[in-house]
Amino acid sequence: MQFTVSSGASTPPGFYAASFLGCEETEPHPEYGRGVRFKFRIAGGEHEGSQASVICSLEKPPSPRNRLGRVLGGLAGAPVAPGMTISVDQYIGRNFLISVQQVGSGQGTRIETIVPSPA
């Protein structure tokens, strides 16, 4: 059995083709409460196979004005609207273009933008 040691660093800022792996609830954060992590695997290039993610709060319902609503809209390929129901399971394995940005000073990176990959 062999193992390759990684740097442990997050995916660097940039634009990537990625496939959606799904989401999972996170441990409650003392300040932001319950959350969900949306995970993507980079497909191609120098960082192929690495993962990028974004955590959204579950304390408020999704809306066009919060991160959860923007992530769901990115998966769906259209802004969210009141009354809309989105099942993220239907997007698992689909390809997207993601923008990864630096978070604060030395705090890692997170996905900021998600758009469906052109066919």
PDB file of N, CA and C in Angstrom:
ATOM      1  N   MET A   1       0.849  -1.171   0.000  1.00  0.00           N
ATOM      2  CA  MET A   1       0.000   0.000   0.000  1.00  0.00           C
ATOM      3  C   MET A   1       0.895   1.235   0.000  1.00  0.00           C
ATOM      4  N   GLN A   2       0.536   2.212  -0.821  1.00  0.00           N
ATOM      5  CA  GLN A   2       1.306   3.452  -0.935  1.00  0.00           C
ATOM      6  C   GLN A   2       0.428   4.636  -0.617  1.00  0.00           C
ATOM      7  N   PHE A   3       1.044   5.680  -0.109  1.00  0.00           N
ATOM      8  CA  PHE A   3       0.343   6.923   0.164  1.00  0.00           C
ATOM      9  C   PHE A   3       1.176   8.066  -0.382  1.00  0.00           C
ATOM     10  N   THR A   4       0.486   9.070  -0.927  1.00  0.00           N
ATOM     11  CA  THR A   4       1.165  10.275  -1.375  1.00  0.00           C
ATOM     12  C   THR A   4       0.762  11.395  -0.432  1.00  0.00           C
ATOM     13  N   VAL A   5       1.726  12.028   0.162  1.00  0.00           N
ATOM     14  CA  VAL A   5       1.467  13.088   1.128  1.00  0.00           C
ATOM     15  C   VAL A   5       1.146  14.382   0.383  1.00  0.00           C
ATOM     16  N   SER A   6       0.074  15.035   0.809  1.00  0.00           N
ATOM     17  CA  SER A   6      -0.292  16.317   0.205  1.00  0.00           C
ATOM     18  C   SER A   6       0.193  17.449   1.096  1.00  0.00           C
ATOM     19  N   SER A   7       0.090  18.656   0.591  1.00  0.00           N
ATOM     20  CA  SER A   7       0.503  19.823   1.372  1.00  0.00           C
ATOM     21  C   SER A   7      -0.518  20.161   2.451  1.00  0.00           C
ATOM     22  N   GLY A   8      -1.717  19.612   2.304  1.00  0.00           N
ATOM     23  CA  GLY A   8      -2.773  19.922   3.265  1.00  0.00           C
ATOM     24  C   GLY A   8      -3.423  21.261   3.004  1.00  0.00           C
ATOM     25  N   ALA A   9      -2.933  21.953   1.994  1.00  0.00           N
ATOM     26  CA  ALA A   9      -3.471  23.277   1.672  1.00  0.00           C
ATOM     27  C   ALA A   9      -4.768  23.146   0.892  1.00  0.00           C
ATOM     28  N   SER A  10      -5.592  24.170   0.992  1.00  0.00           N
ATOM     29  CA  SER A  10      -6.837  24.189   0.238  1.00  0.00           C
ATOM     30  C   SER A  10      -6.551  24.491  -1.228  1.00  0.00           C
ATOM     31  N   THR A  11      -7.550  24.273  -2.066  1.00  0.00           N
ATOM     32  CA  THR A  11      -7.428  24.574  -3.490  1.00  0.00           C
ATOM     33  C   THR A  11      -7.142  26.066  -3.648  1.00  0.00           C
ATOM     34  N   PRO A  12      -6.099  26.426  -4.405  1.00  0.00           N
ATOM     35  CA  PRO A  12      -5.772  27.850  -4.547  1.00  0.00           C
ATOM     36  C   PRO A  12      -6.855  28.624  -5.298  1.00  0.00           C
ATOM     37  N   PRO A  13      -6.904  29.935  -5.085  1.00  0.00           N
ATOM     38  CA  PRO A  13      -7.870  30.751  -5.813  1.00  0.00           C
ATOM     39  C   PRO A  13      -7.723  30.563  -7.319  1.00  0.00           C
ATOM     40  N   GLY A  14      -8.853  30.597  -8.016  1.00  0.00           N
ATOM     41  CA  GLY A  14      -8.849  30.464  -9.464  1.00  0.00           C
ATOM     42  C   GLY A  14     -10.186  29.965  -9.969  1.00  0.00           C
ATOM     43  N   PHE A  15     -10.238  29.710 -11.263  1.00  0.00           N
ATOM     44  CA  PHE A  15     -11.441  29.198 -11.912  1.00  0.00           C
ATOM     45  C   PHE A  15     -11.172  27.764 -12.321  1.00  0.00           C
ATOM     46  N   TYR A  16     -12.131  26.877 -12.046  1.00  0.00           N
ATOM     47  CA  TYR A  16     -11.929  25.453 -12.279  1.00  0.00           C
ATOM     48  C   TYR A  16     -13.166  24.795 -12.869  1.00  0.00           C
ATOM     49  N   ALA A  17     -12.926  23.767 -13.697  1.00  0.00           N
ATOM     50  CA  ALA A  17     -13.983  22.837 -14.072  1.00  0.00           C
ATOM     51  C   ALA A  17     -14.037  21.828 -12.936  1.00  0.00           C
ATOM     52  N   ALA A  18     -15.242  21.496 -12.472  1.00  0.00           N
ATOM     53  CA  ALA A  18     -15.373  20.602 -11.323  1.00  0.00           C
ATOM     54  C   ALA A  18     -16.677  19.827 -11.398  1.00  0.00           C
ATOM     55  N   SER A  19     -16.682  18.656 -10.770  1.00  0.00           N
ATOM     56  CA  SER A  19     -17.922  17.883 -10.683  1.00  0.00           C
ATOM     57  C   SER A  19     -18.443  17.962  -9.252  1.00  0.00           C
ATOM     58  N   PHE A  20     -19.756  18.008  -9.147  1.00  0.00           N
ATOM     59  CA  PHE A  20     -20.412  18.139  -7.843  1.00  0.00           C
ATOM     60  C   PHE A  20     -20.437  16.786  -7.153  1.00  0.00           C
ATOM     61  N   LEU A  21     -19.933  16.728  -5.930  1.00  0.00           N
ATOM     62  CA  LEU A  21     -19.869  15.487  -5.160  1.00  0.00           C
ATOM     63  C   LEU A  21     -21.047  15.310  -4.210  1.00  0.00           C
ATOM     64  N   GLY A  22     -21.727  16.393  -3.894  1.00  0.00           N
ATOM     65  CA  GLY A  22     -22.835  16.336  -2.954  1.00  0.00           C
ATOM     66  C   GLY A  22     -22.614  17.285  -1.801  1.00  0.00           C
ATOM     67  N   CYS A  23     -23.429  17.135  -0.772  1.00  0.00           N
ATOM     68  CA  CYS A  23     -23.309  18.005   0.383  1.00  0.00           C
ATOM     69  C   CYS A  23     -23.533  17.205   1.659  1.00  0.00           C
ATOM     70  N   GLU A  24     -23.066  17.781   2.759  1.00  0.00           N
ATOM     71  CA  GLU A  24     -23.209  17.136   4.062  1.00  0.00           C
ATOM     72  C   GLU A  24     -23.352  18.203   5.125  1.00  0.00           C
ATOM     73  N   GLU A  25     -24.134  17.884   6.154  1.00  0.00           N
ATOM     74  CA  GLU A  25     -24.261  18.825   7.267  1.00  0.00           C
ATOM     75  C   GLU A  25     -22.951  18.876   8.039  1.00  0.00           C
ATOM     76  N   THR A  26     -22.641  20.038   8.557  1.00  0.00           N
ATOM     77  CA  THR A  26     -21.416  20.231   9.336  1.00  0.00           C
ATOM     78  C   THR A  26     -21.777  20.332  10.824  1.00  0.00           C
ATOM     79  N   GLU A  27     -20.755  20.242  11.646  1.00  0.00           N
ATOM     80  CA  GLU A  27     -20.955  20.467  13.079  1.00  0.00           C
ATOM     81  C   GLU A  27     -21.416  21.916  13.267  1.00  0.00           C
ATOM     82  N   PRO A  28     -22.346  22.162  14.177  1.00  0.00           N
ATOM     83  CA  PRO A  28     -22.793  23.551  14.396  1.00  0.00           C
ATOM     84  C   PRO A  28     -21.622  24.461  14.775  1.00  0.00           C
ATOM     85  N   HIS A  29     -21.594  25.621  14.171  1.00  0.00           N
ATOM     86  CA  HIS A  29     -20.575  26.634  14.441  1.00  0.00           C
ATOM     87  C   HIS A  29     -21.076  27.503  15.598  1.00  0.00           C
ATOM     88  N   PRO A  30     -20.197  27.860  16.548  1.00  0.00           N
ATOM     89  CA  PRO A  30     -20.655  28.653  17.697  1.00  0.00           C
ATOM     90  C   PRO A  30     -21.299  29.988  17.316  1.00  0.00           C
ATOM     91  N   GLU A  31     -20.834  30.584  16.219  1.00  0.00           N
ATOM     92  CA  GLU A  31     -21.368  31.887  15.816  1.00  0.00           C
ATOM     93  C   GLU A  31     -22.470  31.779  14.772  1.00  0.00           C
ATOM     94  N   TYR A  32     -22.334  30.847  13.811  1.00  0.00           N
ATOM     95  CA  TYR A  32     -23.256  30.778  12.677  1.00  0.00           C
ATOM     96  C   TYR A  32     -24.275  29.657  12.763  1.00  0.00           C
ATOM     97  N   GLY A  33     -24.156  28.750  13.719  1.00  0.00           N
ATOM     98  CA  GLY A  33     -25.132  27.677  13.891  1.00  0.00           C
ATOM     99  C   GLY A  33     -24.927  26.520  12.922  1.00  0.00           C
ATOM    100  N   ARG A  34     -26.021  25.848  12.594  1.00  0.00           N
ATOM    101  CA  ARG A  34     -25.978  24.681  11.699  1.00  0.00           C
ATOM    102  C   ARG A  34     -25.556  25.101  10.302  1.00  0.00           C
ATOM    103  N   GLY A  35     -24.863  24.182   9.610  1.00  0.00           N
ATOM    104  CA  GLY A  35     -24.407  24.488   8.261  1.00  0.00           C
ATOM    105  C   GLY A  35     -24.374  23.259   7.379  1.00  0.00           C
ATOM    106  N   VAL A  36     -24.161  23.499   6.110  1.00  0.00           N
ATOM    107  CA  VAL A  36     -24.040  22.423   5.124  1.00  0.00           C
ATOM    108  C   VAL A  36     -22.850  22.744   4.222  1.00  0.00           C
ATOM    109  N   ARG A  37     -22.029  21.710   3.933  1.00  0.00           N
ATOM    110  CA  ARG A  37     -20.859  21.869   3.065  1.00  0.00           C
ATOM    111  C   ARG A  37     -21.185  21.276   1.699  1.00  0.00           C
ATOM    112  N   PHE A  38     -21.032  22.087   0.655  1.00  0.00           N
ATOM    113  CA  PHE A  38     -21.190  21.647  -0.732  1.00  0.00           C
ATOM    114  C   PHE A  38     -19.791  21.342  -1.264  1.00  0.00           C
ATOM    115  N   LYS A  39     -19.585  20.117  -1.779  1.00  0.00           N
ATOM    116  CA  LYS A  39     -18.249  19.679  -2.177  1.00  0.00           C
ATOM    117  C   LYS A  39     -18.162  19.420  -3.682  1.00  0.00           C
ATOM    118  N   PHE A  40     -17.029  19.808  -4.248  1.00  0.00           N
ATOM    119  CA  PHE A  40     -16.743  19.629  -5.670  1.00  0.00           C
ATOM    120  C   PHE A  40     -15.353  19.037  -5.843  1.00  0.00           C
ATOM    121  N   ARG A  41     -15.159  18.242  -6.884  1.00  0.00           N
ATOM    122  CA  ARG A  41     -13.844  17.698  -7.225  1.00  0.00           C
ATOM    123  C   ARG A  41     -13.363  18.381  -8.501  1.00  0.00           C
ATOM    124  N   ILE A  42     -12.144  18.920  -8.454  1.00  0.00           N
ATOM    125  CA  ILE A  42     -11.552  19.601  -9.606  1.00  0.00           C
ATOM    126  C   ILE A  42     -11.291  18.573 -10.700  1.00  0.00           C
ATOM    127  N   ALA A  43     -11.699  18.915 -11.919  1.00  0.00           N
ATOM    128  CA  ALA A  43     -11.590  18.002 -13.064  1.00  0.00           C
ATOM    129  C   ALA A  43     -10.646  18.587 -14.106  1.00  0.00           C
ATOM    130  N   GLY A  44      -9.375  18.232 -14.003  1.00  0.00           N
ATOM    131  CA  GLY A  44      -8.411  18.686 -14.992  1.00  0.00           C
ATOM    132  C   GLY A  44      -7.444  19.714 -14.438  1.00  0.00           C
ATOM    133  N   GLY A  45      -6.333  19.845 -15.150  1.00  0.00           N
ATOM    134  CA  GLY A  45      -5.341  20.832 -14.764  1.00  0.00           C
ATOM    135  C   GLY A  45      -4.457  20.375 -13.630  1.00  0.00           C
ATOM    136  N   GLU A  46      -3.662  21.290 -13.145  1.00  0.00           N
ATOM    137  CA  GLU A  46      -2.676  21.021 -12.105  1.00  0.00           C
ATOM    138  C   GLU A  46      -3.292  20.501 -10.801  1.00  0.00           C
ATOM    139  N   HIS A  47      -4.520  20.897 -10.507  1.00  0.00           N
ATOM    140  CA  HIS A  47      -5.156  20.529  -9.245  1.00  0.00           C
ATOM    141  C   HIS A  47      -6.228  19.453  -9.415  1.00  0.00           C
ATOM    142  N   GLU A  48      -6.177  18.729 -10.519  1.00  0.00           N
ATOM    143  CA  GLU A  48      -7.161  17.673 -10.780  1.00  0.00           C
ATOM    144  C   GLU A  48      -7.234  16.704  -9.599  1.00  0.00           C
ATOM    145  N   GLY A  49      -8.453  16.390  -9.207  1.00  0.00           N
ATOM    146  CA  GLY A  49      -8.672  15.455  -8.113  1.00  0.00           C
ATOM    147  C   GLY A  49      -8.786  16.105  -6.757  1.00  0.00           C
ATOM    148  N   SER A  50      -8.303  17.330  -6.612  1.00  0.00           N
ATOM    149  CA  SER A  50      -8.434  17.994  -5.313  1.00  0.00           C
ATOM    150  C   SER A  50      -9.878  18.456  -5.131  1.00  0.00           C
ATOM    151  N   GLN A  51     -10.233  18.737  -3.902  1.00  0.00           N
ATOM    152  CA  GLN A  51     -11.598  19.147  -3.604  1.00  0.00           C
ATOM    153  C   GLN A  51     -11.662  20.614  -3.196  1.00  0.00           C
ATOM    154  N   ALA A  52     -12.774  21.226  -3.537  1.00  0.00           N
ATOM    155  CA  ALA A  52     -13.082  22.591  -3.119  1.00  0.00           C
ATOM    156  C   ALA A  52     -14.492  22.550  -2.540  1.00  0.00           C
ATOM    157  N   SER A  53     -14.759  23.439  -1.597  1.00  0.00           N
ATOM    158  CA  SER A  53     -16.080  23.412  -0.975  1.00  0.00           C
ATOM    159  C   SER A  53     -16.492  24.802  -0.512  1.00  0.00           C
ATOM    160  N   VAL A  54     -17.742  24.873  -0.120  1.00  0.00           N
ATOM    161  CA  VAL A  54     -18.282  26.085   0.482  1.00  0.00           C
ATOM    162  C   VAL A  54     -19.280  25.638   1.547  1.00  0.00           C
ATOM    163  N   ILE A  55     -19.243  26.310   2.696  1.00  0.00           N
ATOM    164  CA  ILE A  55     -20.178  26.013   3.781  1.00  0.00           C
ATOM    165  C   ILE A  55     -21.213  27.130   3.836  1.00  0.00           C
ATOM    166  N   CYS A  56     -22.471  26.731   3.927  1.00  0.00           N
ATOM    167  CA  CYS A  56     -23.578  27.681   4.015  1.00  0.00           C
ATOM    168  C   CYS A  56     -24.340  27.446   5.310  1.00  0.00           C
ATOM    169  N   SER A  57     -24.818  28.509   5.898  1.00  0.00           N
ATOM    170  CA  SER A  57     -25.616  28.413   7.114  1.00  0.00           C
ATOM    171  C   SER A  57     -26.995  27.845   6.791  1.00  0.00           C
ATOM    172  N   LEU A  58     -27.506  27.029   7.700  1.00  0.00           N
ATOM    173  CA  LEU A  58     -28.868  26.500   7.579  1.00  0.00           C
ATOM    174  C   LEU A  58     -29.826  27.203   8.532  1.00  0.00           C
ATOM    175  N   GLU A  59     -29.367  28.269   9.164  1.00  0.00           N
ATOM    176  CA  GLU A  59     -30.181  28.965  10.154  1.00  0.00           C
ATOM    177  C   GLU A  59     -31.297  29.796   9.524  1.00  0.00           C
ATOM    178  N   LYS A  60     -31.156  30.141   8.255  1.00  0.00           N
ATOM    179  CA  LYS A  60     -32.199  30.870   7.531  1.00  0.00           C
ATOM    180  C   LYS A  60     -32.496  30.112   6.243  1.00  0.00           C
ATOM    181  N   PRO A  61     -33.738  30.182   5.746  1.00  0.00           N
ATOM    182  CA  PRO A  61     -34.046  29.491   4.492  1.00  0.00           C
ATOM    183  C   PRO A  61     -33.288  30.131   3.317  1.00  0.00           C
ATOM    184  N   PRO A  62     -33.066  29.359   2.250  1.00  0.00           N
ATOM    185  CA  PRO A  62     -32.366  29.933   1.095  1.00  0.00           C
ATOM    186  C   PRO A  62     -33.143  31.095   0.490  1.00  0.00           C
ATOM    187  N   SER A  63     -32.414  32.088   0.047  1.00  0.00           N
ATOM    188  CA  SER A  63     -33.018  33.235  -0.634  1.00  0.00           C
ATOM    189  C   SER A  63     -31.991  33.778  -1.625  1.00  0.00           C
ATOM    190  N   PRO A  64     -32.412  34.635  -2.547  1.00  0.00           N
ATOM    191  CA  PRO A  64     -31.444  35.218  -3.493  1.00  0.00           C
ATOM    192  C   PRO A  64     -30.382  36.065  -2.790  1.00  0.00           C
ATOM    193  N   ARG A  65     -30.619  36.436  -1.520  1.00  0.00           N
ATOM    194  CA  ARG A  65     -29.722  37.341  -0.813  1.00  0.00           C
ATOM    195  C   ARG A  65     -28.716  36.645   0.100  1.00  0.00           C
ATOM    196  N   ASN A  66     -28.807  35.296   0.253  1.00  0.00           N
ATOM    197  CA  ASN A  66     -27.834  34.645   1.126  1.00  0.00           C
ATOM    198  C   ASN A  66     -27.016  33.603   0.350  1.00  0.00           C
ATOM    199  N   ARG A  67     -25.928  33.153   0.972  1.00  0.00           N
ATOM    200  CA  ARG A  67     -25.008  32.229   0.303  1.00  0.00           C
ATOM    201  C   ARG A  67     -25.700  30.917  -0.081  1.00  0.00           C
ATOM    202  N   LEU A  68     -26.545  30.381   0.803  1.00  0.00           N
ATOM    203  CA  LEU A  68     -27.238  29.129   0.494  1.00  0.00           C
ATOM    204  C   LEU A  68     -28.086  29.277  -0.769  1.00  0.00           C
ATOM    205  N   GLY A  69     -28.795  30.364  -0.890  1.00  0.00           N
ATOM    206  CA  GLY A  69     -29.603  30.600  -2.085  1.00  0.00           C
ATOM    207  C   GLY A  69     -28.758  30.752  -3.337  1.00  0.00           C
ATOM    208  N   ARG A  70     -27.603  31.419  -3.214  1.00  0.00           N
ATOM    209  CA  ARG A  70     -26.728  31.593  -4.389  1.00  0.00           C
ATOM    210  C   ARG A  70     -26.110  30.261  -4.812  1.00  0.00           C
ATOM    211  N   VAL A  71     -25.743  29.415  -3.848  1.00  0.00           N
ATOM    212  CA  VAL A  71     -25.188  28.098  -4.191  1.00  0.00           C
ATOM    213  C   VAL A  71     -26.254  27.243  -4.868  1.00  0.00           C
ATOM    214  N   LEU A  72     -27.456  27.202  -4.309  1.00  0.00           N
ATOM    215  CA  LEU A  72     -28.528  26.417  -4.921  1.00  0.00           C
ATOM    216  C   LEU A  72     -28.870  26.937  -6.309  1.00  0.00           C
ATOM    217  N   GLY A  73     -28.877  28.261  -6.471  1.00  0.00           N
ATOM    218  CA  GLY A  73     -29.118  28.846  -7.790  1.00  0.00           C
ATOM    219  C   GLY A  73     -28.027  28.471  -8.781  1.00  0.00           C
ATOM    220  N   GLY A  74     -26.771  28.411  -8.302  1.00  0.00           N
ATOM    221  CA  GLY A  74     -25.668  27.991  -9.168  1.00  0.00           C
ATOM    222  C   GLY A  74     -25.838  26.563  -9.637  1.00  0.00           C
ATOM    223  N   LEU A  75     -26.252  25.684  -8.732  1.00  0.00           N
ATOM    224  CA  LEU A  75     -26.487  24.289  -9.119  1.00  0.00           C
ATOM    225  C   LEU A  75     -27.632  24.190 -10.129  1.00  0.00           C
ATOM    226  N   ALA A  76     -28.695  24.951  -9.875  1.00  0.00           N
ATOM    227  CA  ALA A  76     -29.878  24.900 -10.737  1.00  0.00           C
ATOM    228  C   ALA A  76     -29.682  25.661 -12.055  1.00  0.00           C
ATOM    229  N   GLY A  77     -28.703  26.537 -12.086  1.00  0.00           N
ATOM    230  CA  GLY A  77     -28.456  27.309 -13.305  1.00  0.00           C
ATOM    231  C   GLY A  77     -29.356  28.509 -13.464  1.00  0.00           C
ATOM    232  N   ALA A  78     -30.026  28.916 -12.384  1.00  0.00           N
ATOM    233  CA  ALA A  78     -30.909  30.079 -12.415  1.00  0.00           C
ATOM    234  C   ALA A  78     -31.076  30.590 -10.989  1.00  0.00           C
ATOM    235  N   PRO A  79     -31.306  31.887 -10.822  1.00  0.00           N
ATOM    236  CA  PRO A  79     -31.499  32.407  -9.468  1.00  0.00           C
ATOM    237  C   PRO A  79     -32.685  31.723  -8.784  1.00  0.00           C
ATOM    238  N   VAL A  80     -32.591  31.544  -7.467  1.00  0.00           N
ATOM    239  CA  VAL A  80     -33.700  30.964  -6.726  1.00  0.00           C
ATOM    240  C   VAL A  80     -34.830  31.977  -6.635  1.00  0.00           C
ATOM    241  N   ALA A  81     -36.048  31.458  -6.495  1.00  0.00           N
ATOM    242  CA  ALA A  81     -37.231  32.306  -6.385  1.00  0.00           C
ATOM    243  C   ALA A  81     -38.108  31.737  -5.272  1.00  0.00           C
ATOM    244  N   PRO A  82     -38.903  32.598  -4.625  1.00  0.00           N
ATOM    245  CA  PRO A  82     -39.790  32.119  -3.561  1.00  0.00           C
ATOM    246  C   PRO A  82     -40.668  30.953  -4.034  1.00  0.00           C
ATOM    247  N   GLY A  83     -40.794  29.936  -3.189  1.00  0.00           N
ATOM    248  CA  GLY A  83     -41.611  28.771  -3.508  1.00  0.00           C
ATOM    249  C   GLY A  83     -40.874  27.670  -4.259  1.00  0.00           C
ATOM    250  N   MET A  84     -39.674  27.959  -4.732  1.00  0.00           N
ATOM    251  CA  MET A  84     -38.880  26.991  -5.489  1.00  0.00           C
ATOM    252  C   MET A  84     -38.387  25.881  -4.558  1.00  0.00           C
ATOM    253  N   THR A  85     -38.405  24.628  -5.027  1.00  0.00           N
ATOM    254  CA  THR A  85     -37.852  23.502  -4.280  1.00  0.00           C
ATOM    255  C   THR A  85     -36.725  22.907  -5.102  1.00  0.00           C
ATOM    256  N   ILE A  86     -35.566  22.739  -4.471  1.00  0.00           N
ATOM    257  CA  ILE A  86     -34.388  22.232  -5.179  1.00  0.00           C
ATOM    258  C   ILE A  86     -33.853  21.013  -4.433  1.00  0.00           C
ATOM    259  N   SER A  87     -33.762  19.894  -5.136  1.00  0.00           N
ATOM    260  CA  SER A  87     -33.148  18.689  -4.587  1.00  0.00           C
ATOM    261  C   SER A  87     -31.729  18.616  -5.138  1.00  0.00           C
ATOM    262  N   VAL A  88     -30.730  18.745  -4.268  1.00  0.00           N
ATOM    263  CA  VAL A  88     -29.344  18.769  -4.737  1.00  0.00           C
ATOM    264  C   VAL A  88     -28.881  17.418  -5.262  1.00  0.00           C
ATOM    265  N   ASP A  89     -29.543  16.332  -4.867  1.00  0.00           N
ATOM    266  CA  ASP A  89     -29.126  15.001  -5.319  1.00  0.00           C
ATOM    267  C   ASP A  89     -29.114  14.874  -6.841  1.00  0.00           C
ATOM    268  N   GLN A  90     -30.009  15.577  -7.519  1.00  0.00           N
ATOM    269  CA  GLN A  90     -30.065  15.488  -8.977  1.00  0.00           C
ATOM    270  C   GLN A  90     -28.844  16.095  -9.666  1.00  0.00           C
ATOM    271  N   TYR A  91     -28.035  16.857  -8.933  1.00  0.00           N
ATOM    272  CA  TYR A  91     -26.862  17.509  -9.514  1.00  0.00           C
ATOM    273  C   TYR A  91     -25.552  16.764  -9.237  1.00  0.00           C
ATOM    274  N   ILE A  92     -25.605  15.721  -8.401  1.00  0.00           N
ATOM    275  CA  ILE A  92     -24.396  14.947  -8.089  1.00  0.00           C
ATOM    276  C   ILE A  92     -23.844  14.327  -9.371  1.00  0.00           C
ATOM    277  N   GLY A  93     -22.541  14.515  -9.589  1.00  0.00           N
ATOM    278  CA  GLY A  93     -21.879  13.995 -10.785  1.00  0.00           C
ATOM    279  C   GLY A  93     -21.907  14.939 -11.969  1.00  0.00           C
ATOM    280  N   ARG A  94     -22.697  15.994 -11.902  1.00  0.00           N
ATOM    281  CA  ARG A  94     -22.751  16.965 -13.008  1.00  0.00           C
ATOM    282  C   ARG A  94     -21.539  17.889 -12.949  1.00  0.00           C
ATOM    283  N   ASN A  95     -21.216  18.458 -14.119  1.00  0.00           N
ATOM    284  CA  ASN A  95     -20.053  19.336 -14.233  1.00  0.00           C
ATOM    285  C   ASN A  95     -20.452  20.801 -14.120  1.00  0.00           C
ATOM    286  N   PHE A  96     -19.585  21.543 -13.445  1.00  0.00           N
ATOM    287  CA  PHE A  96     -19.801  22.966 -13.209  1.00  0.00           C
ATOM    288  C   PHE A  96     -18.489  23.718 -13.393  1.00  0.00           C
ATOM    289  N   LEU A  97     -18.589  25.015 -13.540  1.00  0.00           N
ATOM    290  CA  LEU A  97     -17.435  25.906 -13.494  1.00  0.00           C
ATOM    291  C   LEU A  97     -17.534  26.614 -12.151  1.00  0.00           C
ATOM    292  N   ILE A  98     -16.446  26.584 -11.394  1.00  0.00           N
ATOM    293  CA  ILE A  98     -16.467  27.209 -10.073  1.00  0.00           C
ATOM    294  C   ILE A  98     -15.357  28.254  -9.968  1.00  0.00           C
ATOM    295  N   SER A  99     -15.614  29.245  -9.152  1.00  0.00           N
ATOM    296  CA  SER A  99     -14.629  30.267  -8.829  1.00  0.00           C
ATOM    297  C   SER A  99     -14.268  30.081  -7.362  1.00  0.00           C
ATOM    298  N   VAL A 100     -12.982  29.868  -7.094  1.00  0.00           N
ATOM    299  CA  VAL A 100     -12.484  29.697  -5.729  1.00  0.00           C
ATOM    300  C   VAL A 100     -11.745  30.974  -5.344  1.00  0.00           C
ATOM    301  N   GLN A 101     -12.094  31.510  -4.176  1.00  0.00           N
ATOM    302  CA  GLN A 101     -11.511  32.771  -3.717  1.00  0.00           C
ATOM    303  C   GLN A 101     -10.885  32.594  -2.338  1.00  0.00           C
ATOM    304  N   GLN A 102      -9.929  33.452  -2.035  1.00  0.00           N
ATOM    305  CA  GLN A 102      -9.279  33.485  -0.722  1.00  0.00           C
ATOM    306  C   GLN A 102     -10.290  33.952   0.324  1.00  0.00           C
ATOM    307  N   VAL A 103     -10.248  33.341   1.506  1.00  0.00           N
ATOM    308  CA  VAL A 103     -11.108  33.751   2.619  1.00  0.00           C
ATOM    309  C   VAL A 103     -10.226  34.400   3.663  1.00  0.00           C
ATOM    310  N   GLY A 104     -10.443  35.664   3.925  1.00  0.00           N
ATOM    311  CA  GLY A 104      -9.675  36.355   4.953  1.00  0.00           C
ATOM    312  C   GLY A 104      -8.174  36.252   4.736  1.00  0.00           C
ATOM    313  N   SER A 105      -7.441  36.449   5.788  1.00  0.00           N
ATOM    314  CA  SER A 105      -5.986  36.407   5.724  1.00  0.00           C
ATOM    315  C   SER A 105      -5.497  35.059   6.247  1.00  0.00           C
ATOM    316  N   GLY A 106      -5.091  34.181   5.331  1.00  0.00           N
ATOM    317  CA  GLY A 106      -4.552  32.892   5.701  1.00  0.00           C
ATOM    318  C   GLY A 106      -5.569  31.900   6.234  1.00  0.00           C
ATOM    319  N   GLN A 107      -6.848  32.123   5.982  1.00  0.00           N
ATOM    320  CA  GLN A 107      -7.893  31.232   6.474  1.00  0.00           C
ATOM    321  C   GLN A 107      -8.320  30.199   5.443  1.00  0.00           C
ATOM    322  N   GLY A 108      -7.632  30.100   4.335  1.00  0.00           N
ATOM    323  CA  GLY A 108      -8.002  29.128   3.310  1.00  0.00           C
ATOM    324  C   GLY A 108      -8.803  29.747   2.182  1.00  0.00           C
ATOM    325  N   THR A 109      -9.496  28.889   1.451  1.00  0.00           N
ATOM    326  CA  THR A 109     -10.287  29.329   0.306  1.00  0.00           C
ATOM    327  C   THR A 109     -11.678  28.714   0.379  1.00  0.00           C
ATOM    328  N   ARG A 110     -12.582  29.255  -0.410  1.00  0.00           N
ATOM    329  CA  ARG A 110     -13.926  28.684  -0.553  1.00  0.00           C
ATOM    330  C   ARG A 110     -14.461  29.019  -1.930  1.00  0.00           C
ATOM    331  N   ILE A 111     -15.438  28.250  -2.350  1.00  0.00           N
ATOM    332  CA  ILE A 111     -16.104  28.500  -3.631  1.00  0.00           C
ATOM    333  C   ILE A 111     -16.983  29.730  -3.475  1.00  0.00           C
ATOM    334  N   GLU A 112     -16.856  30.646  -4.422  1.00  0.00           N
ATOM    335  CA  GLU A 112     -17.685  31.854  -4.409  1.00  0.00           C
ATOM    336  C   GLU A 112     -18.766  31.825  -5.479  1.00  0.00           C
ATOM    337  N   THR A 113     -18.459  31.209  -6.626  1.00  0.00           N
ATOM    338  CA  THR A 113     -19.407  31.195  -7.735  1.00  0.00           C
ATOM    339  C   THR A 113     -19.496  29.801  -8.321  1.00  0.00           C
ATOM    340  N   ILE A 114     -20.713  29.400  -8.681  1.00  0.00           N
ATOM    341  CA  ILE A 114     -20.949  28.098  -9.311  1.00  0.00           C
ATOM    342  C   ILE A 114     -21.874  28.342 -10.503  1.00  0.00           C
ATOM    343  N   VAL A 115     -21.463  27.844 -11.672  1.00  0.00           N
ATOM    344  CA  VAL A 115     -22.335  27.908 -12.847  1.00  0.00           C
ATOM    345  C   VAL A 115     -22.269  26.553 -13.565  1.00  0.00           C
ATOM    346  N   PRO A 116     -23.390  26.108 -14.140  1.00  0.00           N
ATOM    347  CA  PRO A 116     -23.350  24.859 -14.889  1.00  0.00           C
ATOM    348  C   PRO A 116     -22.348  24.948 -16.031  1.00  0.00           C
ATOM    349  N   SER A 117     -21.642  23.859 -16.269  1.00  0.00           N
ATOM    350  CA  SER A 117     -20.669  23.803 -17.351  1.00  0.00           C
ATOM    351  C   SER A 117     -21.418  23.722 -18.680  1.00  0.00           C
ATOM    352  N   PRO A 118     -20.958  24.467 -19.694  1.00  0.00           N
ATOM    353  CA  PRO A 118     -21.609  24.371 -21.002  1.00  0.00           C
ATOM    354  C   PRO A 118     -21.467  22.948 -21.549  1.00  0.00           C
ATOM    355  N   ALA A 119     -22.451  22.519 -22.274  1.00  0.00           N
ATOM    356  CA  ALA A 119     -22.454  21.140 -22.817  1.00  0.00           C
ATOM    357  C   ALA A 119     -21.335  20.870 -23.775  1.00  0.00           C
TER     358      ALA A 119
END
